[in-house]
Each structure stands twice: as C-alpha cells, then as structure tokens.
Amino acid sequence: MRLKLNKILLIDDSDADNFIHQRVIKKADVANNIIVKNSGQAALDYLSSKDENGNTPVPELIFLDINMPGMNGWEFLENYEKLEPEQKAGIIVCMLTTSVAEADKQKTGGLPLAESFLHKPLTQETLFKILDGYFSNK
C-alpha cells in the first residue's frame, strides 16, 4: 500500500493544468486533500493563515509553476523562505513547469527550497517517483 499524504498544494495560474493535476493525484489516491491556489500570493496567504485551532495549513508537498503573472514561482520561493519555520516544516517543493530553459533548471538546482524540476503535465509515474523519493521513510 502506498503512502497517502494529508495535503498537496498546487500553485498554478492555469485552470486546465490544475484540473489535470488534480485528476492525476485523485486517481493515484495519494492525498486526503488537494488545495489549489491560482497565484503565488494566494498560496502565501493560504500558508500564512490559521485554522479555528490556531494551526497553520502545512501541506507535505507543493507543486509550483514557474511562469505565473504577478508573482512567479521564483518570487514565491523568495517570499516562502521568509515564512515562519512551522509554516514550512517538512514541505517538499517541486517546480512543475512547461519551461525547457536550462537556466530555469539550473536555478532550481541552486535553491535549497526547490527539491526538483519537473515538466508538465504531472503524470502518475512522476507523482509516484516523487512520493517514493521523498516520503518513503514516513
């Protein structure tokens, strides 16, 4: 039986990509909750929020698009890094993009918060590789 995460956060301005990625995650049955935010700022607001018990929502996995209007993926990571430690504890951030630019891939490799650079669309095979690679010890 495969590990099931509590929460996966998708950050992408494309409704079509979010729809596809939600379907892949639901079909794989690897998350109790899938949260979708259409901008970097909306995602930061969500990660900074508190529920009725005063807890911050901490997804185990974030799929982050690079090219978004307003706040792009790189700017999101700069602001994400400033969050309180408990707001980002144990979260794996994977860049999920259409970008084929080698500079983007290299930039991701140099960032401590971005764990991997993946190409859209998310597939079940890629999802399972991420889960096996980062969450197999849980």
C-alpha atoms as a PDB file:
ATOM      1  CA  MET A   1       0.000   0.000   0.000  1.00  0.00           C
ATOM      2  CA  ARG A   2       1.332   3.400  -0.987  1.00  0.00           C
ATOM      3  CA  LEU A   3       1.728   6.258   1.464  1.00  0.00           C
ATOM      4  CA  LYS A   4      -1.125   8.768   1.483  1.00  0.00           C
ATOM      5  CA  LEU A   5      -0.246  12.389   2.208  1.00  0.00           C
ATOM      6  CA  ASN A   6      -2.614  14.587   4.137  1.00  0.00           C
ATOM      7  CA  LYS A   7      -2.329  17.591   1.833  1.00  0.00           C
ATOM      8  CA  ILE A   8      -0.864  18.513  -1.562  1.00  0.00           C
ATOM      9  CA  LEU A   9      -0.826  22.156  -2.682  1.00  0.00           C
ATOM     10  CA  LEU A  10      -0.941  23.057  -6.382  1.00  0.00           C
ATOM     11  CA  ILE A  11       0.195  26.582  -7.263  1.00  0.00           C
ATOM     12  CA  ASP A  12      -0.514  27.368 -10.902  1.00  0.00           C
ATOM     13  CA  ASP A  13      -2.413  30.071 -12.771  1.00  0.00           C
ATOM     14  CA  SER A  14      -3.648  27.590 -15.386  1.00  0.00           C
ATOM     15  CA  ASP A  15      -7.078  26.167 -14.586  1.00  0.00           C
ATOM     16  CA  ALA A  16      -6.564  23.455 -17.202  1.00  0.00           C
ATOM     17  CA  ASP A  17      -3.259  22.332 -15.657  1.00  0.00           C
ATOM     18  CA  ASN A  18      -4.767  22.397 -12.175  1.00  0.00           C
ATOM     19  CA  PHE A  19      -7.674  20.263 -13.388  1.00  0.00           C
ATOM     20  CA  ILE A  20      -5.341  17.686 -14.966  1.00  0.00           C
ATOM     21  CA  HIS A  21      -3.015  17.584 -11.963  1.00  0.00           C
ATOM     22  CA  GLN A  22      -5.921  17.182  -9.534  1.00  0.00           C
ATOM     23  CA  ARG A  23      -7.230  14.253 -11.606  1.00  0.00           C
ATOM     24  CA  VAL A  24      -3.812  12.571 -11.591  1.00  0.00           C
ATOM     25  CA  ILE A  25      -3.491  12.963  -7.816  1.00  0.00           C
ATOM     26  CA  LYS A  26      -7.075  11.811  -7.156  1.00  0.00           C
ATOM     27  CA  LYS A  27      -6.705   8.789  -9.440  1.00  0.00           C
ATOM     28  CA  ALA A  28      -3.453   7.836  -7.703  1.00  0.00           C
ATOM     29  CA  ASP A  29      -5.252   8.183  -4.335  1.00  0.00           C
ATOM     30  CA  VAL A  30      -2.168   9.606  -2.630  1.00  0.00           C
ATOM     31  CA  ALA A  31      -3.632  12.631  -0.821  1.00  0.00           C
ATOM     32  CA  ASN A  32      -6.518  13.259   1.532  1.00  0.00           C
ATOM     33  CA  ASN A  33      -6.737  16.902   0.392  1.00  0.00           C
ATOM     34  CA  ILE A  34      -5.709  18.757  -2.742  1.00  0.00           C
ATOM     35  CA  ILE A  35      -5.554  22.520  -2.352  1.00  0.00           C
ATOM     36  CA  VAL A  36      -5.349  24.707  -5.463  1.00  0.00           C
ATOM     37  CA  LYS A  37      -4.131  28.295  -5.499  1.00  0.00           C
ATOM     38  CA  ASN A  38      -4.004  30.254  -8.755  1.00  0.00           C
ATOM     39  CA  SER A  39      -1.205  32.610  -7.767  1.00  0.00           C
ATOM     40  CA  GLY A  40       1.899  32.763  -5.649  1.00  0.00           C
ATOM     41  CA  GLN A  41       0.342  35.432  -3.445  1.00  0.00           C
ATOM     42  CA  ALA A  42      -2.811  33.383  -2.848  1.00  0.00           C
ATOM     43  CA  ALA A  43      -0.617  30.427  -1.875  1.00  0.00           C
ATOM     44  CA  LEU A  44       1.425  32.549   0.560  1.00  0.00           C
ATOM     45  CA  ASP A  45      -1.782  33.908   2.082  1.00  0.00           C
ATOM     46  CA  TYR A  46      -3.041  30.345   2.490  1.00  0.00           C
ATOM     47  CA  LEU A  47       0.225  29.096   4.029  1.00  0.00           C
ATOM     48  CA  SER A  48       0.213  32.060   6.444  1.00  0.00           C
ATOM     49  CA  SER A  49      -3.386  31.525   7.527  1.00  0.00           C
ATOM     50  CA  LYS A  50      -4.573  29.778  10.676  1.00  0.00           C
ATOM     51  CA  ASP A  51      -7.499  27.428  11.190  1.00  0.00           C
ATOM     52  CA  GLU A  52     -10.014  27.607  14.043  1.00  0.00           C
ATOM     53  CA  ASN A  53      -7.488  25.870  16.331  1.00  0.00           C
ATOM     54  CA  GLY A  54      -4.707  28.341  15.501  1.00  0.00           C
ATOM     55  CA  ASN A  55      -2.810  25.853  13.310  1.00  0.00           C
ATOM     56  CA  THR A  56      -1.252  26.799  10.003  1.00  0.00           C
ATOM     57  CA  PRO A  57      -2.055  24.624   6.980  1.00  0.00           C
ATOM     58  CA  VAL A  58       1.099  22.680   6.221  1.00  0.00           C
ATOM     59  CA  PRO A  59       0.928  20.586   3.051  1.00  0.00           C
ATOM     60  CA  GLU A  60       3.539  17.875   2.736  1.00  0.00           C
ATOM     61  CA  LEU A  61       4.055  18.546  -0.970  1.00  0.00           C
ATOM     62  CA  ILE A  62       3.805  21.642  -3.167  1.00  0.00           C
ATOM     63  CA  PHE A  63       3.808  21.615  -6.960  1.00  0.00           C
ATOM     64  CA  LEU A  64       4.802  25.117  -8.084  1.00  0.00           C
ATOM     65  CA  ASP A  65       4.569  26.620 -11.560  1.00  0.00           C
ATOM     66  CA  ILE A  66       7.386  28.988 -12.554  1.00  0.00           C
ATOM     67  CA  ASN A  67       5.684  31.241 -15.091  1.00  0.00           C
ATOM     68  CA  MET A  68       2.705  32.980 -13.498  1.00  0.00           C
ATOM     69  CA  PRO A  69       1.519  36.579 -13.763  1.00  0.00           C
ATOM     70  CA  GLY A  70       2.015  38.789 -10.737  1.00  0.00           C
ATOM     71  CA  MET A  71       4.221  36.673  -8.504  1.00  0.00           C
ATOM     72  CA  ASN A  72       6.112  33.994 -10.432  1.00  0.00           C
ATOM     73  CA  GLY A  73       7.454  30.776  -8.936  1.00  0.00           C
ATOM     74  CA  TRP A  74      10.860  32.267  -8.127  1.00  0.00           C
ATOM     75  CA  GLU A  75       9.277  35.221  -6.319  1.00  0.00           C
ATOM     76  CA  PHE A  76       7.008  32.824  -4.445  1.00  0.00           C
ATOM     77  CA  LEU A  77      10.074  30.910  -3.213  1.00  0.00           C
ATOM     78  CA  GLU A  78      11.771  34.134  -2.080  1.00  0.00           C
ATOM     79  CA  ASN A  79       8.707  35.024  -0.004  1.00  0.00           C
ATOM     80  CA  TYR A  80       8.105  31.433   1.103  1.00  0.00           C
ATOM     81  CA  GLU A  81      11.603  31.356   2.563  1.00  0.00           C
ATOM     82  CA  LYS A  82      10.594  34.216   4.898  1.00  0.00           C
ATOM     83  CA  LEU A  83       7.693  32.260   6.434  1.00  0.00           C
ATOM     84  CA  GLU A  84       7.970  31.017   9.996  1.00  0.00           C
ATOM     85  CA  PRO A  85       9.643  27.588  10.325  1.00  0.00           C
ATOM     86  CA  GLU A  86       6.405  25.876  11.404  1.00  0.00           C
ATOM     87  CA  GLN A  87       4.678  27.197   8.258  1.00  0.00           C
ATOM     88  CA  LYS A  88       7.084  25.318   6.005  1.00  0.00           C
ATOM     89  CA  ALA A  89       8.181  22.407   8.202  1.00  0.00           C
ATOM     90  CA  GLY A  90       8.925  19.340   6.146  1.00  0.00           C
ATOM     91  CA  ILE A  91       7.306  20.628   2.966  1.00  0.00           C
ATOM     92  CA  ILE A  92       8.756  19.360  -0.311  1.00  0.00           C
ATOM     93  CA  VAL A  93       8.523  21.935  -3.121  1.00  0.00           C
ATOM     94  CA  CYS A  94       8.692  20.665  -6.699  1.00  0.00           C
ATOM     95  CA  MET A  95       8.808  23.046  -9.622  1.00  0.00           C
ATOM     96  CA  LEU A  96       6.255  21.858 -12.200  1.00  0.00           C
ATOM     97  CA  THR A  97       6.564  23.830 -15.405  1.00  0.00           C
ATOM     98  CA  THR A  98       6.434  23.981 -19.171  1.00  0.00           C
ATOM     99  CA  SER A  99       9.800  25.738 -19.159  1.00  0.00           C
ATOM    100  CA  VAL A 100      12.539  23.959 -21.072  1.00  0.00           C
ATOM    101  CA  ALA A 101      15.094  26.662 -20.307  1.00  0.00           C
ATOM    102  CA  GLU A 102      18.312  25.196 -18.960  1.00  0.00           C
ATOM    103  CA  ALA A 103      18.757  28.361 -16.871  1.00  0.00           C
ATOM    104  CA  ASP A 104      15.496  27.604 -15.023  1.00  0.00           C
ATOM    105  CA  LYS A 105      16.590  24.038 -14.340  1.00  0.00           C
ATOM    106  CA  GLN A 106      19.975  25.221 -13.065  1.00  0.00           C
ATOM    107  CA  LYS A 107      18.365  27.914 -10.945  1.00  0.00           C
ATOM    108  CA  THR A 108      16.130  25.297  -9.332  1.00  0.00           C
ATOM    109  CA  GLY A 109      19.168  23.157  -8.537  1.00  0.00           C
ATOM    110  CA  GLY A 110      20.751  26.047  -6.660  1.00  0.00           C
ATOM    111  CA  LEU A 111      17.752  26.714  -4.438  1.00  0.00           C
ATOM    112  CA  PRO A 112      17.563  24.890  -1.117  1.00  0.00           C
ATOM    113  CA  LEU A 113      13.755  25.045  -1.078  1.00  0.00           C
ATOM    114  CA  ALA A 114      13.083  23.621  -4.541  1.00  0.00           C
ATOM    115  CA  GLU A 115      13.609  19.876  -4.474  1.00  0.00           C
ATOM    116  CA  SER A 116      13.098  19.063  -8.134  1.00  0.00           C
ATOM    117  CA  PHE A 117      12.361  20.440 -11.585  1.00  0.00           C
ATOM    118  CA  LEU A 118       9.544  18.610 -13.382  1.00  0.00           C
ATOM    119  CA  HIS A 119       7.845  19.128 -16.714  1.00  0.00           C
ATOM    120  CA  LYS A 120       4.095  19.469 -17.137  1.00  0.00           C
ATOM    121  CA  PRO A 121       1.818  17.711 -17.183  1.00  0.00           C
ATOM    122  CA  LEU A 122       2.165  15.797 -13.952  1.00  0.00           C
ATOM    123  CA  THR A 123       1.838  12.078 -14.566  1.00  0.00           C
ATOM    124  CA  GLN A 124       1.067   9.305 -12.141  1.00  0.00           C
ATOM    125  CA  GLU A 125       4.546   7.852 -12.772  1.00  0.00           C
ATOM    126  CA  THR A 126       6.215  11.171 -11.879  1.00  0.00           C
ATOM    127  CA  LEU A 127       3.974  11.563  -8.831  1.00  0.00           C
ATOM    128  CA  PHE A 128       4.912   8.095  -7.586  1.00  0.00           C
ATOM    129  CA  LYS A 129       8.624   8.839  -8.123  1.00  0.00           C
ATOM    130  CA  ILE A 130       8.291  11.993  -6.012  1.00  0.00           C
ATOM    131  CA  LEU A 131       6.460  10.140  -3.264  1.00  0.00           C
ATOM    132  CA  ASP A 132       8.897   7.220  -3.289  1.00  0.00           C
ATOM    133  CA  GLY A 133      11.892   9.552  -3.375  1.00  0.00           C
ATOM    134  CA  TYR A 134      10.865  11.976  -0.642  1.00  0.00           C
ATOM    135  CA  PHE A 135       8.284  10.197   1.505  1.00  0.00           C
ATOM    136  CA  SER A 136       9.277   6.530   1.538  1.00  0.00           C
ATOM    137  CA  ASN A 137      10.590   6.781   5.122  1.00  0.00           C
ATOM    138  CA  LYS A 138       7.310   8.092   6.549  1.00  0.00           C
END
